[in-house]
PDB file of N, CA and C in Angstrom:
ATOM      1  N   MET A   1     -36.174   5.844  11.258  1.00  0.00           N
ATOM      2  CA  MET A   1     -36.907   5.184  12.542  1.00  0.00           C
ATOM      3  C   MET A   1     -37.877   4.231  11.317  1.00  0.00           C
ATOM      4  N   ASN A   2     -38.232   3.441  11.677  1.00  0.00           N
ATOM      5  CA  ASN A   2     -39.299   2.251  11.294  1.00  0.00           C
ATOM      6  C   ASN A   2     -40.522   2.859  11.287  1.00  0.00           C
ATOM      7  N   GLN A   3     -41.714   2.250  10.661  1.00  0.00           N
ATOM      8  CA  GLN A   3     -43.096   3.199  10.809  1.00  0.00           C
ATOM      9  C   GLN A   3     -43.671   2.759  11.931  1.00  0.00           C
ATOM     10  N   ALA A   4     -43.474   1.417  12.410  1.00  0.00           N
ATOM     11  CA  ALA A   4     -44.058   1.704  13.730  1.00  0.00           C
ATOM     12  C   ALA A   4     -43.639   2.541  14.866  1.00  0.00           C
ATOM     13  N   ILE A   5     -42.310   2.952  15.302  1.00  0.00           N
ATOM     14  CA  ILE A   5     -42.385   3.795  16.122  1.00  0.00           C
ATOM     15  C   ILE A   5     -42.575   4.768  15.679  1.00  0.00           C
ATOM     16  N   SER A   6     -42.410   5.316  14.649  1.00  0.00           N
ATOM     17  CA  SER A   6     -42.826   6.768  13.795  1.00  0.00           C
ATOM     18  C   SER A   6     -44.198   7.055  14.049  1.00  0.00           C
ATOM     19  N   ALA A   7     -45.039   6.023  13.990  1.00  0.00           N
ATOM     20  CA  ALA A   7     -46.732   6.108  14.310  1.00  0.00           C
ATOM     21  C   ALA A   7     -46.643   6.286  15.404  1.00  0.00           C
ATOM     22  N   GLU A   8     -46.349   5.512  16.618  1.00  0.00           N
ATOM     23  CA  GLU A   8     -46.552   5.647  18.158  1.00  0.00           C
ATOM     24  C   GLU A   8     -45.706   6.935  18.362  1.00  0.00           C
ATOM     25  N   LEU A   9     -44.747   7.393  17.841  1.00  0.00           N
ATOM     26  CA  LEU A   9     -44.297   8.570  18.365  1.00  0.00           C
ATOM     27  C   LEU A   9     -45.259   9.706  18.059  1.00  0.00           C
ATOM     28  N   GLU A  10     -45.758   9.745  16.873  1.00  0.00           N
ATOM     29  CA  GLU A  10     -46.723  10.395  16.011  1.00  0.00           C
ATOM     30  C   GLU A  10     -47.963  10.428  17.038  1.00  0.00           C
ATOM     31  N   ASN A  11     -48.773   9.449  17.891  1.00  0.00           N
ATOM     32  CA  ASN A  11     -49.499   9.603  18.629  1.00  0.00           C
ATOM     33  C   ASN A  11     -49.190   9.893  19.801  1.00  0.00           C
ATOM     34  N   VAL A  12     -47.901   9.936  20.335  1.00  0.00           N
ATOM     35  CA  VAL A  12     -47.478  10.461  21.412  1.00  0.00           C
ATOM     36  C   VAL A  12     -47.685  12.418  21.075  1.00  0.00           C
ATOM     37  N   ILE A  13     -46.625  12.659  20.034  1.00  0.00           N
ATOM     38  CA  ILE A  13     -46.804  13.634  19.917  1.00  0.00           C
ATOM     39  C   ILE A  13     -47.956  14.646  19.536  1.00  0.00           C
ATOM     40  N   ASN A  14     -48.923  14.026  19.544  1.00  0.00           N
ATOM     41  CA  ASN A  14     -50.409  14.756  18.948  1.00  0.00           C
ATOM     42  C   ASN A  14     -51.498  14.808  20.550  1.00  0.00           C
ATOM     43  N   ASN A  15     -50.804  14.155  21.335  1.00  0.00           N
ATOM     44  CA  ASN A  15     -51.167  14.335  22.796  1.00  0.00           C
ATOM     45  C   ASN A  15     -51.097  15.995  23.036  1.00  0.00           C
ATOM     46  N   ALA A  16     -51.394  16.977  22.711  1.00  0.00           N
ATOM     47  CA  ALA A  16     -51.243  18.117  22.748  1.00  0.00           C
ATOM     48  C   ALA A  16     -51.535  18.704  24.019  1.00  0.00           C
ATOM     49  N   GLU A  17     -52.272  18.375  25.096  1.00  0.00           N
ATOM     50  CA  GLU A  17     -52.677  18.546  26.586  1.00  0.00           C
ATOM     51  C   GLU A  17     -51.132  18.500  27.318  1.00  0.00           C
ATOM     52  N   LEU A  18     -50.722  17.150  26.937  1.00  0.00           N
ATOM     53  CA  LEU A  18     -49.707  17.096  27.937  1.00  0.00           C
ATOM     54  C   LEU A  18     -48.590  17.905  27.209  1.00  0.00           C
ATOM     55  N   LEU A  19     -48.124  18.079  26.263  1.00  0.00           N
ATOM     56  CA  LEU A  19     -47.449  19.127  25.692  1.00  0.00           C
ATOM     57  C   LEU A  19     -47.375  20.177  25.989  1.00  0.00           C
ATOM     58  N   LYS A  20     -48.621  20.942  26.197  1.00  0.00           N
ATOM     59  CA  LYS A  20     -49.117  22.048  26.308  1.00  0.00           C
ATOM     60  C   LYS A  20     -49.051  22.135  28.224  1.00  0.00           C
ATOM     61  N   SER A  21     -49.207  21.157  28.773  1.00  0.00           N
ATOM     62  CA  SER A  21     -48.718  21.329  30.196  1.00  0.00           C
ATOM     63  C   SER A  21     -47.248  21.298  30.539  1.00  0.00           C
ATOM     64  N   TYR A  22     -46.155  20.607  29.604  1.00  0.00           N
ATOM     65  CA  TYR A  22     -44.888  20.306  29.703  1.00  0.00           C
ATOM     66  C   TYR A  22     -44.725  21.914  29.329  1.00  0.00           C
ATOM     67  N   ALA A  23     -45.325  22.604  28.294  1.00  0.00           N
ATOM     68  CA  ALA A  23     -44.789  23.931  28.058  1.00  0.00           C
ATOM     69  C   ALA A  23     -44.979  24.900  28.961  1.00  0.00           C
ATOM     70  N   ARG A  24     -45.895  24.910  29.707  1.00  0.00           N
ATOM     71  CA  ARG A  24     -46.370  25.694  30.943  1.00  0.00           C
ATOM     72  C   ARG A  24     -45.120  25.647  31.757  1.00  0.00           C
ATOM     73  N   ASN A  25     -45.141  24.252  32.058  1.00  0.00           N
ATOM     74  CA  ASN A  25     -44.322  23.921  33.549  1.00  0.00           C
ATOM     75  C   ASN A  25     -43.210  22.773  33.151  1.00  0.00           C
ATOM     76  N   PRO A  26     -42.188  23.260  32.263  1.00  0.00           N
ATOM     77  CA  PRO A  26     -41.264  22.503  31.998  1.00  0.00           C
ATOM     78  C   PRO A  26     -40.223  21.987  33.154  1.00  0.00           C
ATOM     79  N   THR A  27     -40.226  20.491  33.498  1.00  0.00           N
ATOM     80  CA  THR A  27     -39.038  19.946  34.700  1.00  0.00           C
ATOM     81  C   THR A  27     -38.254  20.213  34.486  1.00  0.00           C
ATOM     82  N   SER A  28     -37.413  21.074  33.505  1.00  0.00           N
ATOM     83  CA  SER A  28     -36.186  21.451  34.106  1.00  0.00           C
ATOM     84  C   SER A  28     -36.004  22.657  33.425  1.00  0.00           C
ATOM     85  N   PRO A  29     -34.765  23.367  33.376  1.00  0.00           N
ATOM     86  CA  PRO A  29     -34.701  25.023  33.044  1.00  0.00           C
ATOM     87  C   PRO A  29     -33.921  24.761  31.199  1.00  0.00           C
ATOM     88  N   ILE A  30     -34.776  26.051  30.573  1.00  0.00           N
ATOM     89  CA  ILE A  30     -34.673  25.623  29.123  1.00  0.00           C
ATOM     90  C   ILE A  30     -34.673  26.901  28.941  1.00  0.00           C
ATOM     91  N   ASP A  31     -33.676  27.298  27.501  1.00  0.00           N
ATOM     92  CA  ASP A  31     -33.434  28.834  27.115  1.00  0.00           C
ATOM     93  C   ASP A  31     -34.632  29.099  26.827  1.00  0.00           C
ATOM     94  N   LYS A  32     -34.555  30.680  26.303  1.00  0.00           N
ATOM     95  CA  LYS A  32     -36.029  31.181  25.731  1.00  0.00           C
ATOM     96  C   LYS A  32     -36.352  30.537  24.455  1.00  0.00           C
ATOM     97  N   LEU A  33     -35.329  30.158  23.759  1.00  0.00           N
ATOM     98  CA  LEU A  33     -35.278  30.152  22.406  1.00  0.00           C
ATOM     99  C   LEU A  33     -36.131  28.492  22.205  1.00  0.00           C
ATOM    100  N   THR A  34     -35.645  27.607  23.249  1.00  0.00           N
ATOM    101  CA  THR A  34     -36.233  26.546  23.020  1.00  0.00           C
ATOM    102  C   THR A  34     -37.361  26.234  23.323  1.00  0.00           C
ATOM    103  N   GLN A  35     -37.696  27.094  24.381  1.00  0.00           N
ATOM    104  CA  GLN A  35     -39.158  27.522  25.104  1.00  0.00           C
ATOM    105  C   GLN A  35     -39.988  28.071  24.044  1.00  0.00           C
ATOM    106  N   LEU A  36     -39.713  29.013  22.773  1.00  0.00           N
ATOM    107  CA  LEU A  36     -40.608  29.555  22.213  1.00  0.00           C
ATOM    108  C   LEU A  36     -40.614  28.504  20.814  1.00  0.00           C
ATOM    109  N   SER A  37     -39.743  28.013  20.651  1.00  0.00           N
ATOM    110  CA  SER A  37     -39.930  26.743  19.616  1.00  0.00           C
ATOM    111  C   SER A  37     -40.494  25.526  20.018  1.00  0.00           C
ATOM    112  N   ILE A  38     -40.684  25.188  21.331  1.00  0.00           N
ATOM    113  CA  ILE A  38     -41.519  24.333  21.973  1.00  0.00           C
ATOM    114  C   ILE A  38     -42.841  24.950  21.651  1.00  0.00           C
ATOM    115  N   ASP A  39     -43.137  26.290  22.192  1.00  0.00           N
ATOM    116  CA  ASP A  39     -44.566  26.752  22.039  1.00  0.00           C
ATOM    117  C   ASP A  39     -45.516  26.743  20.645  1.00  0.00           C
ATOM    118  N   ILE A  40     -44.337  27.005  19.705  1.00  0.00           N
ATOM    119  CA  ILE A  40     -44.710  26.815  18.343  1.00  0.00           C
ATOM    120  C   ILE A  40     -45.094  25.775  18.066  1.00  0.00           C
ATOM    121  N   PHE A  41     -44.284  25.096  18.167  1.00  0.00           N
ATOM    122  CA  PHE A  41     -44.405  23.520  18.114  1.00  0.00           C
ATOM    123  C   PHE A  41     -45.855  22.936  18.531  1.00  0.00           C
ATOM    124  N   VAL A  42     -46.222  23.252  19.796  1.00  0.00           N
ATOM    125  CA  VAL A  42     -47.706  22.736  20.360  1.00  0.00           C
ATOM    126  C   VAL A  42     -48.759  23.898  19.546  1.00  0.00           C
ATOM    127  N   ALA A  43     -48.232  24.965  19.271  1.00  0.00           N
ATOM    128  CA  ALA A  43     -49.437  25.613  18.910  1.00  0.00           C
ATOM    129  C   ALA A  43     -49.613  24.815  17.433  1.00  0.00           C
ATOM    130  N   VAL A  44     -48.988  24.265  16.624  1.00  0.00           N
ATOM    131  CA  VAL A  44     -49.227  23.648  15.352  1.00  0.00           C
ATOM    132  C   VAL A  44     -49.563  22.360  15.482  1.00  0.00           C
ATOM    133  N   VAL A  45     -49.403  21.645  16.505  1.00  0.00           N
ATOM    134  CA  VAL A  45     -49.058  20.310  16.562  1.00  0.00           C
ATOM    135  C   VAL A  45     -50.339  19.561  16.126  1.00  0.00           C
ATOM    136  N   GLY A  46     -51.478  19.891  16.238  1.00  0.00           N
ATOM    137  CA  GLY A  46     -52.427  19.548  15.742  1.00  0.00           C
ATOM    138  C   GLY A  46     -53.342  19.717  14.010  1.00  0.00           C
ATOM    139  N   HIS A  47     -52.311  20.092  13.588  1.00  0.00           N
ATOM    140  CA  HIS A  47     -52.750  20.828  12.412  1.00  0.00           C
ATOM    141  C   HIS A  47     -52.011  19.661  11.254  1.00  0.00           C
ATOM    142  N   PRO A  48     -52.671  19.246  10.162  1.00  0.00           N
ATOM    143  CA  PRO A  48     -52.112  18.342   9.146  1.00  0.00           C
ATOM    144  C   PRO A  48     -50.539  18.797   8.727  1.00  0.00           C
ATOM    145  N   GLN A  49     -50.643  19.856   8.289  1.00  0.00           N
ATOM    146  CA  GLN A  49     -49.508  20.416   7.388  1.00  0.00           C
ATOM    147  C   GLN A  49     -48.345  21.278   8.798  1.00  0.00           C
ATOM    148  N   ARG A  50     -48.646  20.879   9.904  1.00  0.00           N
ATOM    149  CA  ARG A  50     -47.605  21.442  10.884  1.00  0.00           C
ATOM    150  C   ARG A  50     -46.305  22.035  10.907  1.00  0.00           C
ATOM    151  N   LYS A  51     -45.229  21.002   9.945  1.00  0.00           N
ATOM    152  CA  LYS A  51     -44.238  20.972   9.442  1.00  0.00           C
ATOM    153  C   LYS A  51     -44.052  22.407   8.667  1.00  0.00           C
ATOM    154  N   HIS A  52     -45.182  22.309   7.618  1.00  0.00           N
ATOM    155  CA  HIS A  52     -45.237  23.802   6.708  1.00  0.00           C
ATOM    156  C   HIS A  52     -45.143  24.705   7.551  1.00  0.00           C
ATOM    157  N   MET A  53     -46.128  24.888   8.409  1.00  0.00           N
ATOM    158  CA  MET A  53     -46.514  25.718   9.410  1.00  0.00           C
ATOM    159  C   MET A  53     -45.691  25.993  10.415  1.00  0.00           C
ATOM    160  N   TYR A  54     -44.862  25.754  10.960  1.00  0.00           N
ATOM    161  CA  TYR A  54     -44.182  25.837  11.604  1.00  0.00           C
ATOM    162  C   TYR A  54     -42.940  26.395  11.197  1.00  0.00           C
ATOM    163  N   ASN A  55     -42.402  25.764  10.011  1.00  0.00           N
ATOM    164  CA  ASN A  55     -41.304  26.572   8.892  1.00  0.00           C
ATOM    165  C   ASN A  55     -41.970  27.843   8.629  1.00  0.00           C
ATOM    166  N   GLY A  56     -43.047  27.886   8.184  1.00  0.00           N
ATOM    167  CA  GLY A  56     -43.107  29.365   7.958  1.00  0.00           C
ATOM    168  C   GLY A  56     -43.174  30.567   9.379  1.00  0.00           C
ATOM    169  N   VAL A  57     -43.718  29.942  10.411  1.00  0.00           N
ATOM    170  CA  VAL A  57     -43.151  30.795  11.396  1.00  0.00           C
ATOM    171  C   VAL A  57     -41.961  30.652  11.763  1.00  0.00           C
ATOM    172  N   ARG A  58     -41.305  30.325  11.233  1.00  0.00           N
ATOM    173  CA  ARG A  58     -39.461  29.983  11.449  1.00  0.00           C
ATOM    174  C   ARG A  58     -39.089  31.058  10.801  1.00  0.00           C
ATOM    175  N   ASN A  59     -39.731  31.248   9.518  1.00  0.00           N
ATOM    176  CA  ASN A  59     -38.785  32.251   8.185  1.00  0.00           C
ATOM    177  C   ASN A  59     -39.490  33.456   8.574  1.00  0.00           C
ATOM    178  N   ALA A  60     -40.706  33.595   8.980  1.00  0.00           N
ATOM    179  CA  ALA A  60     -40.720  34.870   9.464  1.00  0.00           C
ATOM    180  C   ALA A  60     -40.212  35.518  10.488  1.00  0.00           C
ATOM    181  N   LEU A  61     -40.142  35.062  11.598  1.00  0.00           N
ATOM    182  CA  LEU A  61     -38.952  35.019  12.909  1.00  0.00           C
ATOM    183  C   LEU A  61     -37.862  35.557  12.383  1.00  0.00           C
ATOM    184  N   ALA A  62     -37.290  35.123  11.182  1.00  0.00           N
ATOM    185  CA  ALA A  62     -36.138  34.930  10.905  1.00  0.00           C
ATOM    186  C   ALA A  62     -35.710  36.332  10.139  1.00  0.00           C
ATOM    187  N   GLN A  63     -36.877  36.902   9.619  1.00  0.00           N
ATOM    188  CA  GLN A  63     -37.240  38.101   8.774  1.00  0.00           C
ATOM    189  C   GLN A  63     -37.174  39.394   9.390  1.00  0.00           C
ATOM    190  N   HIS A  64     -37.429  39.303  11.044  1.00  0.00           N
ATOM    191  CA  HIS A  64     -37.730  40.595  11.342  1.00  0.00           C
ATOM    192  C   HIS A  64     -36.397  41.075  11.779  1.00  0.00           C
ATOM    193  N   ASN A  65     -36.197  42.480  12.327  1.00  0.00           N
ATOM    194  CA  ASN A  65     -35.268  42.962  12.767  1.00  0.00           C
ATOM    195  C   ASN A  65     -35.518  43.596  14.234  1.00  0.00           C
ATOM    196  N   PRO A  66     -34.201  42.435  15.076  1.00  0.00           N
ATOM    197  CA  PRO A  66     -33.285  41.693  14.956  1.00  0.00           C
ATOM    198  C   PRO A  66     -34.140  40.239  14.897  1.00  0.00           C
ATOM    199  N   PRO A  67     -33.795  39.825  13.693  1.00  0.00           N
ATOM    200  CA  PRO A  67     -33.980  38.390  13.537  1.00  0.00           C
ATOM    201  C   PRO A  67     -34.124  37.216  14.782  1.00  0.00           C
ATOM    202  N   THR A  68     -35.108  36.695  15.057  1.00  0.00           N
ATOM    203  CA  THR A  68     -34.959  35.530  16.170  1.00  0.00           C
ATOM    204  C   THR A  68     -34.814  34.423  15.281  1.00  0.00           C
ATOM    205  N   GLN A  69     -33.801  33.720  15.580  1.00  0.00           N
ATOM    206  CA  GLN A  69     -33.902  32.119  15.200  1.00  0.00           C
ATOM    207  C   GLN A  69     -34.305  30.870  16.209  1.00  0.00           C
ATOM    208  N   ILE A  70     -35.179  30.336  15.769  1.00  0.00           N
ATOM    209  CA  ILE A  70     -35.707  29.338  16.464  1.00  0.00           C
ATOM    210  C   ILE A  70     -35.134  27.847  15.906  1.00  0.00           C
ATOM    211  N   HIS A  71     -35.376  26.830  16.777  1.00  0.00           N
ATOM    212  CA  HIS A  71     -35.153  25.488  16.219  1.00  0.00           C
ATOM    213  C   HIS A  71     -35.401  25.146  15.105  1.00  0.00           C
ATOM    214  N   SER A  72     -34.662  24.619  14.273  1.00  0.00           N
ATOM    215  CA  SER A  72     -35.638  23.906  13.045  1.00  0.00           C
ATOM    216  C   SER A  72     -36.953  22.782  13.586  1.00  0.00           C
ATOM    217  N   TYR A  73     -37.232  22.440  12.740  1.00  0.00           N
ATOM    218  CA  TYR A  73     -38.518  21.341  13.012  1.00  0.00           C
ATOM    219  C   TYR A  73     -38.141  19.997  13.485  1.00  0.00           C
ATOM    220  N   HIS A  74     -36.880  19.777  12.602  1.00  0.00           N
ATOM    221  CA  HIS A  74     -36.749  18.327  13.267  1.00  0.00           C
ATOM    222  C   HIS A  74     -36.321  18.532  14.571  1.00  0.00           C
ATOM    223  N   THR A  75     -35.169  19.215  14.871  1.00  0.00           N
ATOM    224  CA  THR A  75     -34.305  19.791  16.123  1.00  0.00           C
ATOM    225  C   THR A  75     -35.800  19.462  16.969  1.00  0.00           C
ATOM    226  N   VAL A  76     -36.785  20.475  17.010  1.00  0.00           N
ATOM    227  CA  VAL A  76     -37.738  20.580  18.046  1.00  0.00           C
ATOM    228  C   VAL A  76     -38.689  19.682  18.131  1.00  0.00           C
ATOM    229  N   GLN A  77     -38.501  18.840  17.302  1.00  0.00           N
ATOM    230  CA  GLN A  77     -39.397  17.400  17.054  1.00  0.00           C
ATOM    231  C   GLN A  77     -38.792  16.318  18.242  1.00  0.00           C
ATOM    232  N   THR A  78     -37.555  16.485  17.946  1.00  0.00           N
ATOM    233  CA  THR A  78     -36.628  15.248  18.520  1.00  0.00           C
ATOM    234  C   THR A  78     -36.669  15.627  20.101  1.00  0.00           C
ATOM    235  N   MET A  79     -36.436  16.829  19.942  1.00  0.00           N
ATOM    236  CA  MET A  79     -36.820  17.510  21.665  1.00  0.00           C
ATOM    237  C   MET A  79     -38.284  17.088  22.163  1.00  0.00           C
ATOM    238  N   VAL A  80     -38.972  17.463  21.541  1.00  0.00           N
ATOM    239  CA  VAL A  80     -40.599  16.900  22.128  1.00  0.00           C
ATOM    240  C   VAL A  80     -40.786  15.675  22.192  1.00  0.00           C
ATOM    241  N   GLU A  81     -39.797  14.965  20.989  1.00  0.00           N
ATOM    242  CA  GLU A  81     -40.333  13.623  21.231  1.00  0.00           C
ATOM    243  C   GLU A  81     -39.751  12.917  22.717  1.00  0.00           C
ATOM    244  N   LYS A  82     -38.533  13.338  23.036  1.00  0.00           N
ATOM    245  CA  LYS A  82     -37.933  12.872  24.408  1.00  0.00           C
ATOM    246  C   LYS A  82     -38.517  13.778  25.512  1.00  0.00           C
ATOM    247  N   ILE A  83     -39.214  14.474  25.307  1.00  0.00           N
ATOM    248  CA  ILE A  83     -39.875  15.003  26.266  1.00  0.00           C
ATOM    249  C   ILE A  83     -40.751  14.336  26.696  1.00  0.00           C
ATOM    250  N   MET A  84     -41.783  13.698  25.673  1.00  0.00           N
ATOM    251  CA  MET A  84     -42.602  13.056  25.894  1.00  0.00           C
ATOM    252  C   MET A  84     -42.850  11.666  26.126  1.00  0.00           C
ATOM    253  N   LYS A  85     -41.220  11.159  25.690  1.00  0.00           N
ATOM    254  CA  LYS A  85     -41.490   9.695  26.346  1.00  0.00           C
ATOM    255  C   LYS A  85     -40.973   9.782  27.921  1.00  0.00           C
ATOM    256  N   GLU A  86     -40.031  10.721  27.789  1.00  0.00           N
ATOM    257  CA  GLU A  86     -39.807  10.643  29.612  1.00  0.00           C
ATOM    258  C   GLU A  86     -41.104  11.031  30.510  1.00  0.00           C
ATOM    259  N   LEU A  87     -41.831  12.153  29.996  1.00  0.00           N
ATOM    260  CA  LEU A  87     -43.117  12.247  30.558  1.00  0.00           C
ATOM    261  C   LEU A  87     -44.117  11.216  31.090  1.00  0.00           C
ATOM    262  N   GLN A  88     -44.113  10.563  29.968  1.00  0.00           N
ATOM    263  CA  GLN A  88     -45.056   9.031  29.843  1.00  0.00           C
ATOM    264  C   GLN A  88     -43.961   8.298  30.729  1.00  0.00           C
ATOM    265  N   SER A  89     -42.850   8.177  30.796  1.00  0.00           N
ATOM    266  CA  SER A  89     -42.691   7.210  31.897  1.00  0.00           C
ATOM    267  C   SER A  89     -42.717   7.499  32.776  1.00  0.00           C
ATOM    268  N   GLY A  90     -42.505   8.727  33.293  1.00  0.00           N
ATOM    269  CA  GLY A  90     -42.793   9.315  34.811  1.00  0.00           C
ATOM    270  C   GLY A  90     -41.218  10.069  35.016  1.00  0.00           C
ATOM    271  N   ARG A  91     -40.487  10.150  34.327  1.00  0.00           N
ATOM    272  CA  ARG A  91     -39.235  10.428  34.882  1.00  0.00           C
ATOM    273  C   ARG A  91     -38.884  12.132  34.556  1.00  0.00           C
ATOM    274  N   GLU A  92     -38.006  12.470  35.277  1.00  0.00           N
ATOM    275  CA  GLU A  92     -37.935  13.803  35.314  1.00  0.00           C
ATOM    276  C   GLU A  92     -36.406  13.984  33.774  1.00  0.00           C
ATOM    277  N   LEU A  93     -36.715  15.304  33.499  1.00  0.00           N
ATOM    278  CA  LEU A  93     -35.452  15.502  32.217  1.00  0.00           C
ATOM    279  C   LEU A  93     -34.261  16.070  33.333  1.00  0.00           C
TER     280      LEU A  93
END
């Protein structure tokens, strides 16, 4: 991904209000682990070390009994980028 596209997506992802709105009212059904992954991503989105924080939460959940496996940071970031692009363009998922 080139730097211009990456910077644009970074600005879009940092729109926490739009992300929170989607997380509360998804436009299409999503499974519980995807919802949890998005919720955690939204919770850490404004932090400069968000990838590290997200992975820390992911590792902690994996150590519980029974373990909870959420999506990787890269996977949820890709999902959120797609969601944000579609929300900004006014299309439903």
